[in-house]
N, C-alpha and C. Protein backbone atom coordinates (compact mmCIF):
# COMPACT_ATOMS: atom_id res chain seq x y z
N MET A 1 0.87 -1.03 0.05
CA MET A 1 -0.05 0.06 -0.07
C MET A 1 0.79 1.14 0.04
N SER A 2 0.47 2.22 -0.75
CA SER A 2 1.25 3.31 -0.93
C SER A 2 1.15 4.27 0.23
N LEU A 3 1.96 5.31 0.56
CA LEU A 3 1.76 6.23 1.80
C LEU A 3 0.75 7.14 1.65
N LEU A 4 0.17 7.49 2.60
CA LEU A 4 -0.88 8.56 2.63
C LEU A 4 -0.12 9.82 3.37
N PRO A 5 -0.50 11.03 2.95
CA PRO A 5 -0.09 12.13 3.74
C PRO A 5 -0.76 12.26 5.03
N TYR A 6 -0.37 12.67 6.04
CA TYR A 6 -0.92 12.71 7.36
C TYR A 6 -2.31 13.60 7.29
N SER A 7 -2.53 14.26 6.59
CA SER A 7 -3.72 15.07 6.49
C SER A 7 -4.95 14.27 5.89
N ALA A 8 -4.40 13.16 5.25
CA ALA A 8 -5.69 12.37 4.72
C ALA A 8 -6.37 11.42 5.62
N PHE A 9 -5.83 11.23 6.75
CA PHE A 9 -6.29 10.40 7.82
C PHE A 9 -7.40 11.16 8.55
N PRO A 10 -8.54 10.28 8.65
CA PRO A 10 -9.75 10.99 9.51
C PRO A 10 -9.42 11.00 10.92
N HIS A 11 -8.44 10.28 11.58
CA HIS A 11 -8.19 10.32 12.77
C HIS A 11 -6.78 10.68 13.05
N LYS A 12 -6.50 11.60 13.88
CA LYS A 12 -5.15 11.97 14.02
C LYS A 12 -4.85 12.08 15.45
N THR A 13 -3.68 11.77 15.99
CA THR A 13 -3.28 11.79 17.32
C THR A 13 -1.73 11.92 17.34
N TYR A 14 -1.21 12.07 18.58
CA TYR A 14 0.22 11.82 18.98
C TYR A 14 0.55 11.17 19.97
N ASP A 15 1.84 10.93 20.19
CA ASP A 15 2.43 10.30 21.46
C ASP A 15 3.87 10.92 21.63
N LYS A 16 4.24 10.77 22.88
CA LYS A 16 5.68 11.36 23.22
C LYS A 16 6.48 10.18 23.07
N LEU A 17 7.75 10.50 22.58
CA LEU A 17 8.69 9.42 22.56
C LEU A 17 9.48 9.66 24.05
N ARG A 18 9.61 8.52 24.72
CA ARG A 18 10.26 8.49 26.02
C ARG A 18 11.72 8.04 25.88
N TYR A 19 12.33 8.59 26.73
CA TYR A 19 13.86 8.15 26.56
C TYR A 19 14.01 6.53 26.85
N ALA A 20 13.15 6.17 27.79
CA ALA A 20 13.26 4.63 28.16
C ALA A 20 12.65 3.89 26.85
N ASP A 21 12.02 4.44 25.80
CA ASP A 21 11.69 3.66 24.51
C ASP A 21 12.77 3.44 23.66
N THR A 22 13.88 4.14 24.09
CA THR A 22 15.29 4.04 22.91
C THR A 22 16.47 3.20 23.57
N ASP A 23 17.08 2.85 22.26
CA ASP A 23 18.40 2.24 22.85
C ASP A 23 19.38 3.17 23.15
N ARG A 24 20.71 2.65 23.13
CA ARG A 24 21.75 3.57 23.50
C ARG A 24 22.05 4.51 22.46
N GLN A 25 21.67 4.39 21.25
CA GLN A 25 21.89 5.38 20.11
C GLN A 25 20.80 6.37 20.03
N GLY A 26 19.62 6.35 20.86
CA GLY A 26 18.71 7.34 20.80
C GLY A 26 17.61 6.90 19.85
N HIS A 27 17.47 5.60 19.46
CA HIS A 27 16.60 5.04 18.34
C HIS A 27 15.56 4.36 19.14
N ALA A 28 14.19 4.51 18.68
CA ALA A 28 13.15 3.79 19.39
C ALA A 28 13.32 2.26 19.10
N ASN A 29 13.04 1.41 20.13
CA ASN A 29 12.98 0.14 20.01
C ASN A 29 11.73 -0.41 18.93
N ASN A 30 11.95 -1.31 18.27
CA ASN A 30 10.83 -1.77 17.23
C ASN A 30 9.67 -1.99 17.99
N ALA A 31 9.61 -2.62 19.15
CA ALA A 31 8.49 -3.00 19.84
C ALA A 31 7.64 -1.66 20.18
N VAL A 32 8.23 -0.60 20.33
CA VAL A 32 7.68 0.71 20.61
C VAL A 32 6.70 1.36 19.59
N PHE A 33 7.13 0.82 18.42
CA PHE A 33 6.28 1.43 17.18
C PHE A 33 4.76 0.67 17.43
N SER A 34 4.81 -0.70 17.88
CA SER A 34 3.55 -1.42 18.13
C SER A 34 2.55 -0.51 19.23
N THR A 35 3.39 0.26 20.16
CA THR A 35 2.67 0.86 21.28
C THR A 35 2.11 2.25 20.60
N PHE A 36 2.76 2.84 19.70
CA PHE A 36 2.28 4.09 19.19
C PHE A 36 1.06 3.69 18.23
N PHE A 37 1.22 2.56 17.66
CA PHE A 37 0.03 2.13 16.55
C PHE A 37 -1.19 1.99 17.63
N GLU A 38 -0.96 1.45 18.71
CA GLU A 38 -2.02 1.11 19.63
C GLU A 38 -2.70 2.44 20.22
N THR A 39 -1.98 3.22 20.39
CA THR A 39 -2.46 4.65 20.92
C THR A 39 -3.68 5.10 19.87
N GLY A 40 -3.24 4.94 18.48
CA GLY A 40 -4.21 5.44 17.57
C GLY A 40 -5.57 4.61 17.55
N ARG A 41 -5.26 3.36 17.60
CA ARG A 41 -6.46 2.25 17.71
C ARG A 41 -7.26 2.69 18.77
N ALA A 42 -6.77 2.72 20.01
CA ALA A 42 -7.26 2.85 21.27
C ALA A 42 -8.31 3.99 21.25
N GLU A 43 -7.78 5.14 20.48
CA GLU A 43 -8.66 6.20 20.54
C GLU A 43 -9.96 6.29 19.79
N ILE A 44 -9.95 5.20 18.87
CA ILE A 44 -10.92 4.82 18.20
C ILE A 44 -11.98 3.82 19.03
N VAL A 45 -11.32 2.90 19.41
CA VAL A 45 -11.92 1.81 20.01
C VAL A 45 -12.78 2.18 21.20
N TYR A 46 -12.13 3.15 22.06
CA TYR A 46 -12.50 3.48 23.37
C TYR A 46 -13.00 5.06 23.30
N ASN A 47 -13.40 5.41 22.21
CA ASN A 47 -13.70 6.61 22.03
C ASN A 47 -15.03 7.05 22.95
N ALA A 48 -15.05 7.83 23.87
CA ALA A 48 -16.19 8.26 24.81
C ALA A 48 -17.30 8.86 23.94
N GLU A 49 -16.98 9.58 23.04
CA GLU A 49 -18.04 10.20 22.19
C GLU A 49 -18.93 9.21 21.26
N PHE A 50 -18.20 8.20 20.85
CA PHE A 50 -18.71 7.05 19.87
C PHE A 50 -18.42 5.83 20.33
N PRO A 51 -18.99 5.40 21.33
CA PRO A 51 -18.62 3.97 21.92
C PRO A 51 -19.16 2.94 20.91
N ILE A 52 -18.14 2.09 20.62
CA ILE A 52 -18.28 1.18 19.62
C ILE A 52 -18.26 -0.45 20.05
N MET A 53 -17.90 -0.52 21.45
CA MET A 53 -17.73 -1.89 21.94
C MET A 53 -19.14 -2.29 22.74
N ASP A 54 -19.67 -3.34 22.26
CA ASP A 54 -20.81 -3.99 23.13
C ASP A 54 -20.57 -4.34 24.46
N ASP A 55 -21.49 -4.30 25.31
CA ASP A 55 -21.27 -4.64 26.73
C ASP A 55 -20.72 -6.08 26.85
N ASN A 56 -19.77 -6.24 27.73
CA ASN A 56 -19.16 -7.60 27.86
C ASN A 56 -18.54 -8.08 26.68
N CYS A 57 -17.96 -7.21 26.07
CA CYS A 57 -17.10 -7.44 25.01
C CYS A 57 -15.73 -6.82 24.95
N SER A 58 -14.83 -7.31 24.26
CA SER A 58 -13.58 -6.78 23.81
C SER A 58 -13.03 -6.81 22.42
N PHE A 59 -12.06 -6.08 22.24
CA PHE A 59 -11.39 -6.30 20.87
C PHE A 59 -10.02 -6.83 21.11
N VAL A 60 -9.85 -7.76 20.23
CA VAL A 60 -8.52 -8.47 20.22
C VAL A 60 -7.91 -8.36 18.88
N ILE A 61 -6.56 -8.45 18.64
CA ILE A 61 -6.03 -8.26 17.33
C ILE A 61 -5.65 -9.70 16.91
N ALA A 62 -6.27 -9.78 15.54
CA ALA A 62 -6.31 -11.04 15.02
C ALA A 62 -5.12 -11.09 13.91
N SER A 63 -4.67 -9.87 13.43
CA SER A 63 -3.61 -9.81 12.59
C SER A 63 -3.05 -8.43 12.48
N MET A 64 -1.57 -8.22 12.46
CA MET A 64 -0.90 -7.02 12.37
C MET A 64 0.33 -7.11 11.46
N GLN A 65 0.41 -6.47 10.23
CA GLN A 65 1.62 -6.20 9.59
C GLN A 65 2.03 -4.90 9.85
N VAL A 66 3.46 -4.71 10.17
CA VAL A 66 4.06 -3.44 10.34
C VAL A 66 5.16 -3.48 9.37
N ASP A 67 5.42 -2.27 8.70
CA ASP A 67 6.67 -2.08 7.99
C ASP A 67 7.38 -0.87 8.49
N TYR A 68 8.66 -1.03 8.93
CA TYR A 68 9.36 -0.12 9.44
C TYR A 68 10.07 0.61 8.31
N LEU A 69 9.97 1.74 8.09
CA LEU A 69 10.55 2.70 7.00
C LEU A 69 11.71 3.44 7.40
N LEU A 70 11.48 4.14 8.66
CA LEU A 70 12.86 4.95 8.97
C LEU A 70 12.78 4.87 10.54
N GLU A 71 13.97 5.29 11.22
CA GLU A 71 14.17 5.26 12.61
C GLU A 71 13.22 6.25 13.26
N ILE A 72 12.97 6.18 14.47
CA ILE A 72 12.36 7.19 15.19
C ILE A 72 13.40 7.47 16.29
N LYS A 73 13.50 8.86 16.48
CA LYS A 73 14.70 9.32 17.19
C LYS A 73 14.14 10.14 18.37
N TRP A 74 15.01 10.01 19.54
CA TRP A 74 14.64 10.85 20.74
C TRP A 74 15.33 11.99 20.71
N PRO A 75 14.98 13.06 21.23
CA PRO A 75 13.68 13.29 21.83
C PRO A 75 12.67 13.73 20.58
N GLY A 76 11.36 13.71 20.98
CA GLY A 76 10.32 14.13 20.04
C GLY A 76 9.06 13.57 20.08
N ILE A 77 8.16 13.70 19.22
CA ILE A 77 6.79 13.31 19.19
C ILE A 77 6.67 12.38 17.93
N VAL A 78 5.75 11.65 18.04
CA VAL A 78 5.28 10.77 16.98
C VAL A 78 3.91 11.18 16.54
N ASN A 79 3.81 11.49 15.36
CA ASN A 79 2.20 11.74 14.97
C ASN A 79 1.66 10.40 14.33
N ILE A 80 0.37 10.20 14.67
CA ILE A 80 -0.20 8.91 14.30
C ILE A 80 -1.54 8.97 13.59
N GLY A 81 -1.38 8.69 12.34
CA GLY A 81 -2.65 8.72 11.42
C GLY A 81 -3.37 7.25 11.32
N THR A 82 -4.71 7.38 11.65
CA THR A 82 -5.56 6.18 11.49
C THR A 82 -6.72 6.18 10.78
N CYS A 83 -7.02 5.14 9.99
CA CYS A 83 -8.30 5.11 9.17
C CYS A 83 -8.71 3.72 9.14
N ILE A 84 -10.05 3.33 8.98
CA ILE A 84 -10.47 2.02 9.07
C ILE A 84 -10.73 1.86 7.27
N THR A 85 -10.19 0.78 6.77
CA THR A 85 -10.30 0.50 5.56
C THR A 85 -11.64 -0.72 5.12
N LYS A 86 -11.78 -1.42 6.25
CA LYS A 86 -13.12 -2.37 5.93
C LYS A 86 -13.71 -2.72 7.15
N ILE A 87 -14.90 -2.71 7.24
CA ILE A 87 -15.71 -3.14 8.28
C ILE A 87 -16.49 -4.51 8.18
N GLY A 88 -15.94 -5.47 8.88
CA GLY A 88 -16.66 -6.88 8.52
C GLY A 88 -17.81 -7.06 9.61
N ASN A 89 -18.06 -8.45 9.75
CA ASN A 89 -19.18 -8.76 10.35
C ASN A 89 -18.85 -8.60 11.87
N SER A 90 -17.75 -8.90 12.43
CA SER A 90 -17.29 -8.64 13.60
C SER A 90 -15.88 -8.17 13.78
N SER A 91 -15.40 -7.85 12.47
CA SER A 91 -13.83 -7.28 12.52
C SER A 91 -13.86 -5.81 11.93
N ILE A 92 -12.78 -5.27 12.17
CA ILE A 92 -12.39 -3.94 11.63
C ILE A 92 -10.88 -3.97 11.09
N ARG A 93 -10.72 -3.54 9.95
CA ARG A 93 -9.41 -3.67 9.35
C ARG A 93 -8.91 -2.08 9.33
N LEU A 94 -7.86 -1.89 10.02
CA LEU A 94 -7.34 -0.56 10.23
C LEU A 94 -6.20 -0.25 9.37
N TYR A 95 -5.83 0.98 8.86
CA TYR A 95 -4.53 1.29 8.17
C TYR A 95 -4.02 2.28 9.09
N GLN A 96 -2.63 2.54 9.32
CA GLN A 96 -2.03 3.50 10.20
C GLN A 96 -0.77 3.90 9.64
N GLN A 97 -0.43 4.88 9.94
CA GLN A 97 0.91 5.51 9.57
C GLN A 97 1.59 6.30 10.73
N LEU A 98 2.87 6.09 11.04
CA LEU A 98 3.45 6.90 12.15
C LEU A 98 4.37 7.94 11.17
N TYR A 99 4.35 9.18 12.02
CA TYR A 99 5.13 10.42 11.30
C TYR A 99 6.13 10.81 12.48
N GLN A 100 7.32 11.19 11.99
CA GLN A 100 8.18 12.09 12.90
C GLN A 100 8.78 13.14 12.08
N GLU A 101 8.57 14.54 12.59
CA GLU A 101 9.01 15.55 11.67
C GLU A 101 8.72 15.54 10.33
N ASP A 102 7.37 15.18 9.93
CA ASP A 102 6.62 15.17 8.85
C ASP A 102 7.06 13.86 7.83
N GLN A 103 7.98 13.18 8.32
CA GLN A 103 8.11 11.85 7.54
C GLN A 103 7.53 10.73 7.92
N CYS A 104 7.10 9.99 7.11
CA CYS A 104 6.49 8.61 7.37
C CYS A 104 7.61 7.59 7.81
N VAL A 105 7.53 7.13 9.17
CA VAL A 105 8.41 6.37 9.46
C VAL A 105 8.08 4.88 9.62
N ALA A 106 6.73 4.53 9.54
CA ALA A 106 6.13 3.21 9.64
C ALA A 106 4.75 3.16 9.27
N LYS A 107 4.24 2.23 8.87
CA LYS A 107 2.99 1.80 8.35
C LYS A 107 2.55 0.49 8.94
N ALA A 108 1.25 0.36 9.17
CA ALA A 108 0.77 -0.82 9.71
C ALA A 108 -0.70 -1.05 9.38
N GLU A 109 -1.01 -2.47 8.80
CA GLU A 109 -2.47 -2.88 8.78
C GLU A 109 -2.75 -3.85 9.90
N THR A 110 -3.87 -3.50 10.62
CA THR A 110 -4.30 -4.55 11.80
C THR A 110 -5.69 -4.69 11.40
N VAL A 111 -6.11 -6.11 11.89
CA VAL A 111 -7.52 -6.43 11.98
C VAL A 111 -7.84 -6.79 13.57
N ILE A 112 -8.86 -6.08 13.89
CA ILE A 112 -9.31 -6.31 15.32
C ILE A 112 -10.69 -7.06 15.13
N VAL A 113 -11.01 -7.79 16.07
CA VAL A 113 -12.16 -8.41 16.18
C VAL A 113 -12.73 -8.28 17.56
N GLN A 114 -14.05 -8.20 17.41
CA GLN A 114 -14.93 -7.91 18.74
C GLN A 114 -15.29 -9.26 19.22
N VAL A 115 -15.02 -9.59 20.33
CA VAL A 115 -15.12 -10.98 21.06
C VAL A 115 -16.09 -10.93 22.36
N ASP A 116 -16.88 -11.83 22.62
CA ASP A 116 -17.60 -11.86 23.74
C ASP A 116 -16.67 -12.33 24.75
N ASN A 117 -16.75 -11.54 26.05
CA ASN A 117 -15.72 -11.74 27.13
C ASN A 117 -16.10 -13.35 27.68
N ALA A 118 -17.36 -13.62 27.66
CA ALA A 118 -17.78 -14.99 28.28
C ALA A 118 -17.35 -16.02 27.57
N THR A 119 -17.59 -16.09 26.25
CA THR A 119 -17.33 -17.21 25.35
C THR A 119 -15.93 -17.06 24.54
N ALA A 120 -15.30 -15.89 24.61
CA ALA A 120 -14.02 -15.81 23.72
C ALA A 120 -14.33 -16.13 22.26
N LYS A 121 -15.50 -15.86 21.78
CA LYS A 121 -15.88 -16.08 20.44
C LYS A 121 -16.28 -14.87 19.76
N SER A 122 -16.10 -14.79 18.68
CA SER A 122 -16.41 -13.33 18.06
C SER A 122 -17.75 -13.05 18.07
N LYS A 123 -17.99 -11.63 18.08
CA LYS A 123 -19.28 -11.17 18.31
C LYS A 123 -19.66 -10.25 17.12
N ALA A 124 -20.67 -10.33 16.35
CA ALA A 124 -20.96 -9.30 15.38
C ALA A 124 -21.14 -8.05 15.85
N LEU A 125 -20.76 -7.04 14.84
CA LEU A 125 -20.74 -5.66 15.32
C LEU A 125 -22.24 -5.24 14.82
N SER A 126 -22.90 -4.36 15.79
CA SER A 126 -24.18 -3.92 15.56
C SER A 126 -24.23 -2.91 14.35
N GLU A 127 -25.39 -2.81 13.70
CA GLU A 127 -25.67 -1.90 12.61
C GLU A 127 -25.35 -0.37 13.03
N ASN A 128 -25.56 -0.17 14.29
CA ASN A 128 -25.22 1.19 14.96
C ASN A 128 -23.98 1.37 14.95
N VAL A 129 -23.09 0.42 15.54
CA VAL A 129 -21.47 0.58 15.49
C VAL A 129 -21.09 0.65 14.13
N LYS A 130 -21.40 0.02 13.33
CA LYS A 130 -20.97 0.08 11.81
C LYS A 130 -21.21 1.39 11.20
N THR A 131 -22.31 2.03 11.52
CA THR A 131 -22.63 3.37 11.04
C THR A 131 -21.64 4.35 11.86
N LYS A 132 -21.45 4.20 13.11
CA LYS A 132 -20.33 4.95 13.78
C LYS A 132 -19.13 4.98 13.22
N LEU A 133 -18.74 3.71 12.87
CA LEU A 133 -17.37 3.47 12.48
C LEU A 133 -17.14 4.21 11.01
N ASN A 134 -18.22 4.28 10.33
CA ASN A 134 -18.03 4.72 8.83
C ASN A 134 -17.37 6.24 8.78
N SER A 135 -17.47 6.96 9.91
CA SER A 135 -16.82 8.33 9.88
C SER A 135 -15.40 8.21 9.82
N TRP A 136 -14.64 6.92 10.09
CA TRP A 136 -13.17 6.92 9.97
C TRP A 136 -12.61 5.86 8.71
N VAL A 137 -13.81 5.65 7.85
CA VAL A 137 -13.40 4.88 6.92
C VAL A 137 -12.91 5.65 5.53
N VAL A 138 -11.69 5.19 5.01
CA VAL A 138 -11.13 5.69 4.03
C VAL A 138 -11.38 4.55 2.76
N LYS A 139 -12.03 4.86 1.59
CA LYS A 139 -12.30 3.68 0.82
C LYS A 139 -11.39 3.60 -0.35
N LYS A 140 -10.79 4.77 -0.61
CA LYS A 140 -9.68 4.73 -1.79
C LYS A 140 -8.28 5.02 -1.35
N LEU A 141 -7.57 4.00 -1.13
CA LEU A 141 -6.22 4.31 -0.65
C LEU A 141 -5.28 4.13 -1.97
N PRO A 142 -4.14 4.95 -1.91
CA PRO A 142 -3.09 4.72 -3.19
C PRO A 142 -2.71 3.76 -3.12
C-alpha cells in the first residue's frame, strides 16, 4: 500500500517518545512502534463520544503487519494517522502510519475482532456501531 499524507487520515493523534523507549543510540526500539499504533487504535475503540464496543465484549488483534521505514529518534513526538479500510461482520481492518518531523517512519495494517468476554468467540458488530465506524473509513487508498 502506498503512503498517505498525514492530512488524509480521518483520525489523528500523537504520542511522546520517552527516553526509556530508546536504545543507546537514541533510536526507538521496534516494539515501541506497536505501542504508538495502539495509541491510534485505542482512541477509536475507546472513544467516549462514539462508543463502539458492546457490553461484556473486547477487541483483540487478529492480525498485524508492520513495515518499518525509518528510525524514530529521541527526543520528539510521533504523529499517528489512523483510518478504517474495511468493516466486517465482527472485525475492523485499520490502516495506520507513524510520522516524525513530517516523515512517515512506519505503516501498519491491523485487523481487530470484537469478542464476547464470556465465550471468547467473535461477536457481530451492531449496525449502529458500523454506522459510527463509517466516519473513519477511507475507501480509496493509493
